[in-house]
Each structure stands twice: as C-alpha cells, then as structure tokens.
C-alpha cells in the first residue's frame, strides 16, 4: 500500500530527543513511490527534529510546515517549493536545492554548508544567522531576502540578484559576488574581506562600516553607494571615477590617493523593495490522505 510506504519514507529512523515528542499532522500524500518522496504533492503540519538525510524530495511542496531542527543532510530538494514554512535550526548540509522556490520561509540559524542552491528563487525569506559557507547560490534570485548575521564565507553568489537584500553583519570572507546585482542592499557592518565584486552592480547599496580588505571591485558599478565608515583601504580595483559616484564621511578609509565626497541627504537614495505578493493557496489534490502520528 502506498500510504505506509510514504510514511516510512518520511519518518523512518527519525531521531527524537529523549523525553520529547514529534507530532506530524496534515501530511497530504499522493502517488508516492516506494521509499522516494519524489511525487509527494504537499507536506504540512509539524515534524520537528525529523531525520530526512539523503531523502529524495524532488518537486515536493512544503506549505505552512514546521520542520524545526530537522536533518536534511544530502537531501535532494531540486525544484521543491517551500512556502510559509519554518525550518529554523535545520541542517541542509550538502543538500541539492537547485531551482528551489522559496516564499516567506524561515531558515533562521539553519545550516547550508556546501549546499547547492544555484538558480533558487526566494522572496521574503529569512536566513538570519544561517551558515551558508561554501554554498552555491549562483544565478539565484534573492530579492529582499534577509541574511542578517549570516555566514557566507566562500559562498558563490556570482550572477545572483540581491536587490534590496539585507546583508548586514554578515561574514562573507572570500565570497564571490562577481556579476551580481546588489542594488539597494544593506551591507552595513559586514565583513567582505577577500570577496569579489568584479562587474557587480552595487548602486544605492549601503556599505557603511563594512570591511573590504583585499575585496576586488574591478569594473563594479557604485552609483549612489553609501560608503560612510567603510574600510576600503585594502580594496583592489577601485578607481577615482567609481569613488566619485559614491559618498562617504571622515571615517571612510580608501586606497592611497583616492578621495570621497561627503554624503548629503540629496545624494543618498534609498530604494525600498516592494514586498513579495502572498503565495496563492495550493490547489487541493485529487485524492487526500490525512495522517496523524504521535511518537512518545
């Protein structure tokens, strides 16, 4: 029977801390194949601390689900949809999430070390304090995404779209932002030492109080960029023409021989990204099974 196999595929071996409970409700399943969850229509409800490492979840839809502190190490989530779901503290190390669609999901303090998120589309998502070291986010659309306090060391964000994103207080040493669109992003107090911004668009971004030792700005666009308090003294590829389009203050540090204009209110243009439209409610499946599982 498909129903027991679907349940086994999702929950088999799911570790639960001593004395705690895992409660799963409203799991809707359709056309499930053996131990794969590739054709699961929708997952909802709660499955905290679930063990889903290595599972095939391609094309799955998580709608309003709570999977806090779940383990999805090496899971295959290609083309999955994560809508309004909570994955706080979950572990996506080495997960394959290429082409995933994320709307209003919460990944606070989640782990994406070496995860593949190339081509991901995210709106209104929170990656606050998440660990995305060595993650591949190339060509991803990350409009208005919140990475406040996240770790992006050695992450690949080349050719990504980060319009209006929050990159404040991040650790992004040696990250690759080449050819990325980072307009109107908040990069305040971030550590971007050794990062590459070659050919990137940073128009209207806030680099205030950021660290950019050895960062490469060759051919980057810096129109109306706010660099007050930024330490760019060790940055590479900066020209006076680029700096002339920015504004700073007395605490801005630049490479030798470069000078900056003082910021005036008329020179600082803030472009607030429009909030993402709420997701449309998922269409009900033709056949629906409701499962309720209590693990004491």
Foldseek 3Di string as FASTA:
>chain_A
DQVVQLVCLFAPPQDDPPPDKFKAWFQWADDADGNARQRGAEGAEEGESGENAQHEPDQYEYANHEHEQHEHDQYEHDQYEYALYEHDNYEDDQYEHDQYEYELYEHDQYEHDQYEHDQYEYANYEDDQYENDQYEDDQYEQEQYEHHNYEQAQYEHDCYEHHQYEQDNYEHEQYEDDNYENELYEHHQYEHENYEHHCYEHELYECALYEHAQYECANYAHALYEHELYAAQRYPNDDLVRQARYAYDPNYHHHPPHDHHHDDPVSRDHDHDDHDDHDDDDDDDPDTDIDIDMDD
